[in-house]
Amino acid sequence: MDELKKQEYRAISLIIHLTPQMNQNLSESAARAHRSKAKEAAVRLDDHLINFSDIATVGLQFKNK
């Protein structure tokens, strides 16, 4: 039997730096979706982490199988 237990994670708040262009893109996408920028960022991050296993650089991702 495996003695290692699955690590449990808790919810956290995260502070990040956005470039002016990233801020504009996030603001526009949040407005289109009628969400706050914080909610839009969380939804987009969750979607990206579900759909891509890794990211090499901006524009080069590895899709989950």
C-alpha atoms as a PDB file:
ATOM      1  CA  MET A   1       0.000   0.000   0.000  1.00  0.00           C
ATOM      2  CA  ASP A   2       1.288   3.422  -0.918  1.00  0.00           C
ATOM      3  CA  GLU A   3       2.237   5.326   2.230  1.00  0.00           C
ATOM      4  CA  LEU A   4       2.191   8.724   0.478  1.00  0.00           C
ATOM      5  CA  LYS A   5      -1.008  10.675   0.972  1.00  0.00           C
ATOM      6  CA  LYS A   6      -2.410  12.946  -1.699  1.00  0.00           C
ATOM      7  CA  GLN A   7      -1.547  16.539  -0.842  1.00  0.00           C
ATOM      8  CA  GLU A   8      -4.575  18.648  -0.049  1.00  0.00           C
ATOM      9  CA  TYR A   9      -4.693  22.223  -1.252  1.00  0.00           C
ATOM     10  CA  ARG A  10      -6.646  25.160   0.119  1.00  0.00           C
ATOM     11  CA  ALA A  11      -7.944  28.233  -1.675  1.00  0.00           C
ATOM     12  CA  ILE A  12      -5.481  31.130  -1.862  1.00  0.00           C
ATOM     13  CA  SER A  13      -5.341  34.712  -3.046  1.00  0.00           C
ATOM     14  CA  LEU A  14      -2.568  35.515  -5.484  1.00  0.00           C
ATOM     15  CA  ILE A  15      -1.053  38.856  -6.449  1.00  0.00           C
ATOM     16  CA  ILE A  16       0.366  39.110  -9.977  1.00  0.00           C
ATOM     17  CA  HIS A  17       1.817  41.843 -12.164  1.00  0.00           C
ATOM     18  CA  LEU A  18       0.013  42.585 -15.440  1.00  0.00           C
ATOM     19  CA  THR A  19       1.546  44.546 -18.272  1.00  0.00           C
ATOM     20  CA  PRO A  20      -0.598  47.377 -19.647  1.00  0.00           C
ATOM     21  CA  GLN A  21      -1.538  45.154 -22.624  1.00  0.00           C
ATOM     22  CA  MET A  22      -2.476  42.230 -20.386  1.00  0.00           C
ATOM     23  CA  ASN A  23      -4.572  44.589 -18.236  1.00  0.00           C
ATOM     24  CA  GLN A  24      -6.382  45.891 -21.319  1.00  0.00           C
ATOM     25  CA  ASN A  25      -7.008  42.381 -22.674  1.00  0.00           C
ATOM     26  CA  LEU A  26      -8.295  41.187 -19.296  1.00  0.00           C
ATOM     27  CA  SER A  27     -10.490  44.279 -18.851  1.00  0.00           C
ATOM     28  CA  GLU A  28     -12.034  43.831 -22.290  1.00  0.00           C
ATOM     29  CA  SER A  29     -12.676  40.105 -21.875  1.00  0.00           C
ATOM     30  CA  ALA A  30     -14.170  40.677 -18.400  1.00  0.00           C
ATOM     31  CA  ALA A  31     -16.499  43.350 -19.786  1.00  0.00           C
ATOM     32  CA  ARG A  32     -17.644  41.049 -22.611  1.00  0.00           C
ATOM     33  CA  ALA A  33     -18.377  38.284 -20.088  1.00  0.00           C
ATOM     34  CA  HIS A  34     -19.984  40.647 -17.535  1.00  0.00           C
ATOM     35  CA  ARG A  35     -17.495  39.505 -14.879  1.00  0.00           C
ATOM     36  CA  SER A  36     -15.043  41.304 -12.642  1.00  0.00           C
ATOM     37  CA  LYS A  37     -11.422  41.219 -13.740  1.00  0.00           C
ATOM     38  CA  ALA A  38     -10.588  38.979 -10.761  1.00  0.00           C
ATOM     39  CA  LYS A  39     -13.327  36.484 -11.716  1.00  0.00           C
ATOM     40  CA  GLU A  40     -12.319  36.606 -15.389  1.00  0.00           C
ATOM     41  CA  ALA A  41      -8.687  35.923 -14.496  1.00  0.00           C
ATOM     42  CA  ALA A  42      -9.689  32.997 -12.262  1.00  0.00           C
ATOM     43  CA  VAL A  43     -11.978  31.484 -14.928  1.00  0.00           C
ATOM     44  CA  ARG A  44      -9.302  31.826 -17.611  1.00  0.00           C
ATOM     45  CA  LEU A  45      -6.551  30.387 -15.407  1.00  0.00           C
ATOM     46  CA  ASP A  46      -8.750  27.427 -14.421  1.00  0.00           C
ATOM     47  CA  ASP A  47      -9.652  26.752 -18.064  1.00  0.00           C
ATOM     48  CA  HIS A  48      -6.012  26.953 -19.147  1.00  0.00           C
ATOM     49  CA  LEU A  49      -4.808  24.599 -16.401  1.00  0.00           C
ATOM     50  CA  ILE A  50      -7.510  22.070 -17.295  1.00  0.00           C
ATOM     51  CA  ASN A  51      -6.778  22.168 -21.034  1.00  0.00           C
ATOM     52  CA  PHE A  52      -2.981  22.458 -21.104  1.00  0.00           C
ATOM     53  CA  SER A  53      -0.541  20.289 -19.198  1.00  0.00           C
ATOM     54  CA  ASP A  54       2.443  22.599 -19.652  1.00  0.00           C
ATOM     55  CA  ILE A  55       3.456  25.884 -21.244  1.00  0.00           C
ATOM     56  CA  ALA A  56       6.876  26.442 -22.789  1.00  0.00           C
ATOM     57  CA  THR A  57       6.361  30.131 -23.583  1.00  0.00           C
ATOM     58  CA  VAL A  58       3.537  32.422 -24.580  1.00  0.00           C
ATOM     59  CA  GLY A  59       1.908  30.831 -27.612  1.00  0.00           C
ATOM     60  CA  LEU A  60       3.482  27.380 -27.182  1.00  0.00           C
ATOM     61  CA  GLN A  61       1.353  25.100 -25.012  1.00  0.00           C
ATOM     62  CA  PHE A  62       1.045  21.343 -24.691  1.00  0.00           C
ATOM     63  CA  LYS A  63      -2.581  20.155 -24.840  1.00  0.00           C
ATOM     64  CA  ASN A  64      -3.810  17.584 -22.332  1.00  0.00           C
ATOM     65  CA  LYS A  65      -4.599  14.265 -23.913  1.00  0.00           C
END
